[in-house]
Amino acid sequence: MITLDGKQVPWRPDMSVAQLLAYVEKPEQVAVIRLNGKLVSRPVFEATAVPDNAEVVLIPMIAGG
């Protein structure tokens, strides 16, 4: 299992961050995640593996002025 923003989601072998975002309501708004304390940005979501028992925190894009 993976903890995704405080909720438990199932883990699969070879799961990438991009695949994990299928559990998110608006994945296009996620710019960065924190995976077990390390920041991972959108350009490497597809290539970044999510280990079993990982803790993932979503960090959305924020616009302002």
PDB file of N, CA and C in Angstrom:
ATOM      1  N   MET A   1       0.832  -1.192   0.000  1.00  0.00           N
ATOM      2  CA  MET A   1       0.000   0.000   0.000  1.00  0.00           C
ATOM      3  C   MET A   1       0.876   1.255   0.000  1.00  0.00           C
ATOM      4  N   ILE A   2       0.315   2.306  -0.522  1.00  0.00           N
ATOM      5  CA  ILE A   2       0.976   3.607  -0.589  1.00  0.00           C
ATOM      6  C   ILE A   2       0.090   4.612   0.134  1.00  0.00           C
ATOM      7  N   THR A   3       0.697   5.531   0.843  1.00  0.00           N
ATOM      8  CA  THR A   3      -0.059   6.627   1.441  1.00  0.00           C
ATOM      9  C   THR A   3       0.029   7.816   0.495  1.00  0.00           C
ATOM     10  N   LEU A   4      -1.101   8.203  -0.060  1.00  0.00           N
ATOM     11  CA  LEU A   4      -1.183   9.302  -1.019  1.00  0.00           C
ATOM     12  C   LEU A   4      -2.016  10.407  -0.389  1.00  0.00           C
ATOM     13  N   ASP A   5      -1.358  11.469   0.043  1.00  0.00           N
ATOM     14  CA  ASP A   5      -2.052  12.574   0.729  1.00  0.00           C
ATOM     15  C   ASP A   5      -2.922  12.072   1.876  1.00  0.00           C
ATOM     16  N   GLY A   6      -2.375  11.148   2.653  1.00  0.00           N
ATOM     17  CA  GLY A   6      -3.068  10.649   3.827  1.00  0.00           C
ATOM     18  C   GLY A   6      -4.033   9.509   3.583  1.00  0.00           C
ATOM     19  N   LYS A   7      -4.250   9.114   2.329  1.00  0.00           N
ATOM     20  CA  LYS A   7      -5.163   8.021   2.000  1.00  0.00           C
ATOM     21  C   LYS A   7      -4.367   6.822   1.502  1.00  0.00           C
ATOM     22  N   GLN A   8      -4.846   5.644   1.812  1.00  0.00           N
ATOM     23  CA  GLN A   8      -4.194   4.418   1.364  1.00  0.00           C
ATOM     24  C   GLN A   8      -4.657   4.065  -0.052  1.00  0.00           C
ATOM     25  N   VAL A   9      -3.700   3.795  -0.937  1.00  0.00           N
ATOM     26  CA  VAL A   9      -4.007   3.336  -2.293  1.00  0.00           C
ATOM     27  C   VAL A   9      -3.165   2.096  -2.567  1.00  0.00           C
ATOM     28  N   PRO A  10      -3.656   1.185  -3.420  1.00  0.00           N
ATOM     29  CA  PRO A  10      -2.912  -0.032  -3.690  1.00  0.00           C
ATOM     30  C   PRO A  10      -1.619   0.243  -4.458  1.00  0.00           C
ATOM     31  N   TRP A  11      -0.616  -0.559  -4.165  1.00  0.00           N
ATOM     32  CA  TRP A  11       0.674  -0.470  -4.849  1.00  0.00           C
ATOM     33  C   TRP A  11       0.777  -1.610  -5.847  1.00  0.00           C
ATOM     34  N   ARG A  12       1.447  -1.365  -6.965  1.00  0.00           N
ATOM     35  CA  ARG A  12       1.725  -2.395  -7.963  1.00  0.00           C
ATOM     36  C   ARG A  12       3.214  -2.387  -8.264  1.00  0.00           C
ATOM     37  N   PRO A  13       3.801  -3.540  -8.515  1.00  0.00           N
ATOM     38  CA  PRO A  13       5.215  -3.560  -8.904  1.00  0.00           C
ATOM     39  C   PRO A  13       5.422  -2.707 -10.156  1.00  0.00           C
ATOM     40  N   ASP A  14       6.528  -2.039 -10.228  1.00  0.00           N
ATOM     41  CA  ASP A  14       6.887  -1.180 -11.369  1.00  0.00           C
ATOM     42  C   ASP A  14       5.961   0.020 -11.532  1.00  0.00           C
ATOM     43  N   MET A  15       5.291   0.428 -10.465  1.00  0.00           N
ATOM     44  CA  MET A  15       4.409   1.594 -10.531  1.00  0.00           C
ATOM     45  C   MET A  15       5.242   2.870 -10.608  1.00  0.00           C
ATOM     46  N   SER A  16       4.880   3.735 -11.536  1.00  0.00           N
ATOM     47  CA  SER A  16       5.552   5.036 -11.665  1.00  0.00           C
ATOM     48  C   SER A  16       4.694   6.111 -11.008  1.00  0.00           C
ATOM     49  N   VAL A  17       5.279   7.264 -10.813  1.00  0.00           N
ATOM     50  CA  VAL A  17       4.522   8.404 -10.276  1.00  0.00           C
ATOM     51  C   VAL A  17       3.370   8.735 -11.228  1.00  0.00           C
ATOM     52  N   ALA A  18       3.627   8.695 -12.531  1.00  0.00           N
ATOM     53  CA  ALA A  18       2.572   8.999 -13.505  1.00  0.00           C
ATOM     54  C   ALA A  18       1.394   8.043 -13.347  1.00  0.00           C
ATOM     55  N   GLN A  19       1.658   6.757 -13.120  1.00  0.00           N
ATOM     56  CA  GLN A  19       0.580   5.786 -12.927  1.00  0.00           C
ATOM     57  C   GLN A  19      -0.151   6.027 -11.609  1.00  0.00           C
ATOM     58  N   LEU A  20       0.579   6.407 -10.593  1.00  0.00           N
ATOM     59  CA  LEU A  20      -0.031   6.694  -9.298  1.00  0.00           C
ATOM     60  C   LEU A  20      -1.021   7.855  -9.394  1.00  0.00           C
ATOM     61  N   LEU A  21      -0.743   8.805 -10.264  1.00  0.00           N
ATOM     62  CA  LEU A  21      -1.622   9.970 -10.400  1.00  0.00           C
ATOM     63  C   LEU A  21      -2.994   9.620 -10.966  1.00  0.00           C
ATOM     64  N   ALA A  22      -3.179   8.386 -11.420  1.00  0.00           N
ATOM     65  CA  ALA A  22      -4.502   7.944 -11.870  1.00  0.00           C
ATOM     66  C   ALA A  22      -5.493   7.955 -10.707  1.00  0.00           C
ATOM     67  N   TYR A  23      -4.993   7.943  -9.470  1.00  0.00           N
ATOM     68  CA  TYR A  23      -5.847   7.963  -8.280  1.00  0.00           C
ATOM     69  C   TYR A  23      -6.209   9.385  -7.846  1.00  0.00           C
ATOM     70  N   VAL A  24      -5.729  10.383  -8.571  1.00  0.00           N
ATOM     71  CA  VAL A  24      -5.930  11.781  -8.204  1.00  0.00           C
ATOM     72  C   VAL A  24      -7.034  12.377  -9.066  1.00  0.00           C
ATOM     73  N   GLU A  25      -7.887  13.213  -8.459  1.00  0.00           N
ATOM     74  CA  GLU A  25      -9.022  13.800  -9.182  1.00  0.00           C
ATOM     75  C   GLU A  25      -8.575  14.701 -10.340  1.00  0.00           C
ATOM     76  N   LYS A  26      -7.602  15.584 -10.122  1.00  0.00           N
ATOM     77  CA  LYS A  26      -7.132  16.488 -11.174  1.00  0.00           C
ATOM     78  C   LYS A  26      -5.609  16.388 -11.288  1.00  0.00           C
ATOM     79  N   PRO A  27      -5.117  15.311 -11.905  1.00  0.00           N
ATOM     80  CA  PRO A  27      -3.666  15.099 -11.954  1.00  0.00           C
ATOM     81  C   PRO A  27      -2.903  16.182 -12.713  1.00  0.00           C
ATOM     82  N   GLU A  28      -3.564  16.869 -13.627  1.00  0.00           N
ATOM     83  CA  GLU A  28      -2.884  17.912 -14.405  1.00  0.00           C
ATOM     84  C   GLU A  28      -2.483  19.100 -13.533  1.00  0.00           C
ATOM     85  N   GLN A  29      -3.067  19.223 -12.354  1.00  0.00           N
ATOM     86  CA  GLN A  29      -2.733  20.329 -11.458  1.00  0.00           C
ATOM     87  C   GLN A  29      -1.550  20.017 -10.536  1.00  0.00           C
ATOM     88  N   VAL A  30      -1.066  18.780 -10.584  1.00  0.00           N
ATOM     89  CA  VAL A  30       0.056  18.384  -9.728  1.00  0.00           C
ATOM     90  C   VAL A  30       1.361  18.688 -10.452  1.00  0.00           C
ATOM     91  N   ALA A  31       2.128  19.620  -9.921  1.00  0.00           N
ATOM     92  CA  ALA A  31       3.392  20.027 -10.535  1.00  0.00           C
ATOM     93  C   ALA A  31       4.573  19.274  -9.946  1.00  0.00           C
ATOM     94  N   VAL A  32       4.473  18.973  -8.662  1.00  0.00           N
ATOM     95  CA  VAL A  32       5.565  18.344  -7.921  1.00  0.00           C
ATOM     96  C   VAL A  32       4.943  17.418  -6.881  1.00  0.00           C
ATOM     97  N   ILE A  33       5.650  16.330  -6.569  1.00  0.00           N
ATOM     98  CA  ILE A  33       5.239  15.500  -5.447  1.00  0.00           C
ATOM     99  C   ILE A  33       6.424  15.365  -4.489  1.00  0.00           C
ATOM    100  N   ARG A  34       6.114  14.995  -3.274  1.00  0.00           N
ATOM    101  CA  ARG A  34       7.164  14.641  -2.326  1.00  0.00           C
ATOM    102  C   ARG A  34       7.029  13.139  -2.112  1.00  0.00           C
ATOM    103  N   LEU A  35       8.038  12.396  -2.550  1.00  0.00           N
ATOM    104  CA  LEU A  35       8.059  10.941  -2.473  1.00  0.00           C
ATOM    105  C   LEU A  35       9.056  10.531  -1.405  1.00  0.00           C
ATOM    106  N   ASN A  36       8.544  10.067  -0.282  1.00  0.00           N
ATOM    107  CA  ASN A  36       9.407   9.693   0.853  1.00  0.00           C
ATOM    108  C   ASN A  36      10.385  10.810   1.200  1.00  0.00           C
ATOM    109  N   GLY A  37       9.891  12.049   1.170  1.00  0.00           N
ATOM    110  CA  GLY A  37      10.696  13.199   1.569  1.00  0.00           C
ATOM    111  C   GLY A  37      11.500  13.855   0.467  1.00  0.00           C
ATOM    112  N   LYS A  38      11.558  13.253  -0.732  1.00  0.00           N
ATOM    113  CA  LYS A  38      12.318  13.837  -1.844  1.00  0.00           C
ATOM    114  C   LYS A  38      11.355  14.447  -2.866  1.00  0.00           C
ATOM    115  N   LEU A  39      11.690  15.627  -3.359  1.00  0.00           N
ATOM    116  CA  LEU A  39      10.848  16.291  -4.357  1.00  0.00           C
ATOM    117  C   LEU A  39      11.075  15.689  -5.735  1.00  0.00           C
ATOM    118  N   VAL A  40       9.975  15.467  -6.450  1.00  0.00           N
ATOM    119  CA  VAL A  40      10.007  14.929  -7.810  1.00  0.00           C
ATOM    120  C   VAL A  40       9.115  15.824  -8.652  1.00  0.00           C
ATOM    121  N   SER A  41       9.627  16.336  -9.782  1.00  0.00           N
ATOM    122  CA  SER A  41       8.840  17.239 -10.626  1.00  0.00           C
ATOM    123  C   SER A  41       8.253  16.510 -11.838  1.00  0.00           C
ATOM    124  N   ARG A  42       7.266  17.131 -12.431  1.00  0.00           N
ATOM    125  CA  ARG A  42       6.506  16.540 -13.539  1.00  0.00           C
ATOM    126  C   ARG A  42       7.366  15.958 -14.664  1.00  0.00           C
ATOM    127  N   PRO A  43       8.456  16.582 -15.077  1.00  0.00           N
ATOM    128  CA  PRO A  43       9.214  16.003 -16.202  1.00  0.00           C
ATOM    129  C   PRO A  43       9.717  14.573 -15.968  1.00  0.00           C
ATOM    130  N   VAL A  44       9.822  14.150 -14.729  1.00  0.00           N
ATOM    131  CA  VAL A  44      10.333  12.795 -14.464  1.00  0.00           C
ATOM    132  C   VAL A  44       9.292  11.886 -13.803  1.00  0.00           C
ATOM    133  N   PHE A  45       8.017  12.255 -13.832  1.00  0.00           N
ATOM    134  CA  PHE A  45       6.968  11.421 -13.242  1.00  0.00           C
ATOM    135  C   PHE A  45       6.938  10.028 -13.872  1.00  0.00           C
ATOM    136  N   GLU A  46       7.056   9.956 -15.186  1.00  0.00           N
ATOM    137  CA  GLU A  46       6.977   8.674 -15.898  1.00  0.00           C
ATOM    138  C   GLU A  46       8.148   7.758 -15.551  1.00  0.00           C
ATOM    139  N   ALA A  47       9.309   8.325 -15.324  1.00  0.00           N
ATOM    140  CA  ALA A  47      10.519   7.535 -15.085  1.00  0.00           C
ATOM    141  C   ALA A  47      10.791   7.259 -13.609  1.00  0.00           C
ATOM    142  N   THR A  48       9.987   7.812 -12.703  1.00  0.00           N
ATOM    143  CA  THR A  48      10.239   7.656 -11.277  1.00  0.00           C
ATOM    144  C   THR A  48       9.366   6.547 -10.698  1.00  0.00           C
ATOM    145  N   ALA A  49      10.014   5.516 -10.155  1.00  0.00           N
ATOM    146  CA  ALA A  49       9.302   4.386  -9.558  1.00  0.00           C
ATOM    147  C   ALA A  49       8.823   4.752  -8.152  1.00  0.00           C
ATOM    148  N   VAL A  50       7.674   4.209  -7.796  1.00  0.00           N
ATOM    149  CA  VAL A  50       7.110   4.402  -6.457  1.00  0.00           C
ATOM    150  C   VAL A  50       7.268   3.076  -5.705  1.00  0.00           C
ATOM    151  N   PRO A  51       8.063   3.062  -4.636  1.00  0.00           N
ATOM    152  CA  PRO A  51       8.242   1.814  -3.890  1.00  0.00           C
ATOM    153  C   PRO A  51       7.025   1.500  -3.014  1.00  0.00           C
ATOM    154  N   ASP A  52       6.888   0.221  -2.686  1.00  0.00           N
ATOM    155  CA  ASP A  52       5.822  -0.188  -1.769  1.00  0.00           C
ATOM    156  C   ASP A  52       6.014   0.525  -0.431  1.00  0.00           C
ATOM    157  N   ASN A  53       4.922   0.838   0.222  1.00  0.00           N
ATOM    158  CA  ASN A  53       4.914   1.540   1.510  1.00  0.00           C
ATOM    159  C   ASN A  53       5.418   2.979   1.419  1.00  0.00           C
ATOM    160  N   ALA A  54       5.385   3.555   0.232  1.00  0.00           N
ATOM    161  CA  ALA A  54       5.839   4.938   0.051  1.00  0.00           C
ATOM    162  C   ALA A  54       4.820   5.908   0.632  1.00  0.00           C
ATOM    163  N   GLU A  55       5.337   7.076   1.005  1.00  0.00           N
ATOM    164  CA  GLU A  55       4.470   8.171   1.421  1.00  0.00           C
ATOM    165  C   GLU A  55       4.614   9.262   0.364  1.00  0.00           C
ATOM    166  N   VAL A  56       3.480   9.615  -0.241  1.00  0.00           N
ATOM    167  CA  VAL A  56       3.468  10.590  -1.332  1.00  0.00           C
ATOM    168  C   VAL A  56       2.575  11.757  -0.953  1.00  0.00           C
ATOM    169  N   VAL A  57       3.115  12.962  -1.112  1.00  0.00           N
ATOM    170  CA  VAL A  57       2.367  14.192  -0.865  1.00  0.00           C
ATOM    171  C   VAL A  57       2.316  14.972  -2.165  1.00  0.00           C
ATOM    172  N   LEU A  58       1.125  15.350  -2.590  1.00  0.00           N
ATOM    173  CA  LEU A  58       0.938  16.120  -3.817  1.00  0.00           C
ATOM    174  C   LEU A  58       1.167  17.599  -3.555  1.00  0.00           C
ATOM    175  N   ILE A  59       1.853  18.247  -4.473  1.00  0.00           N
ATOM    176  CA  ILE A  59       2.101  19.688  -4.361  1.00  0.00           C
ATOM    177  C   ILE A  59       1.558  20.322  -5.650  1.00  0.00           C
ATOM    178  N   PRO A  60       0.404  20.977  -5.589  1.00  0.00           N
ATOM    179  CA  PRO A  60      -0.218  21.516  -6.794  1.00  0.00           C
ATOM    180  C   PRO A  60       0.465  22.796  -7.290  1.00  0.00           C
ATOM    181  N   MET A  61       0.197  23.094  -8.574  1.00  0.00           N
ATOM    182  CA  MET A  61       0.659  24.353  -9.144  1.00  0.00           C
ATOM    183  C   MET A  61      -0.105  25.478  -8.484  1.00  0.00           C
ATOM    184  N   ILE A  62       0.578  26.566  -8.257  1.00  0.00           N
ATOM    185  CA  ILE A  62      -0.048  27.746  -7.664  1.00  0.00           C
ATOM    186  C   ILE A  62       0.305  28.943  -8.528  1.00  0.00           C
ATOM    187  N   ALA A  63      -0.697  29.693  -8.908  1.00  0.00           N
ATOM    188  CA  ALA A  63      -0.467  30.909  -9.687  1.00  0.00           C
ATOM    189  C   ALA A  63      -0.887  32.100  -8.850  1.00  0.00           C
ATOM    190  N   GLY A  64      -0.226  33.180  -9.053  1.00  0.00           N
ATOM    191  CA  GLY A  64      -0.594  34.365  -8.287  1.00  0.00           C
ATOM    192  C   GLY A  64       0.150  35.583  -8.810  1.00  0.00           C
ATOM    193  N   GLY A  65      -0.084  36.647  -8.168  1.00  0.00           N
ATOM    194  CA  GLY A  65       0.563  37.841  -8.646  1.00  0.00           C
ATOM    195  C   GLY A  65       0.864  38.813  -7.543  1.00  0.00           C
TER     196      GLY A  65
END
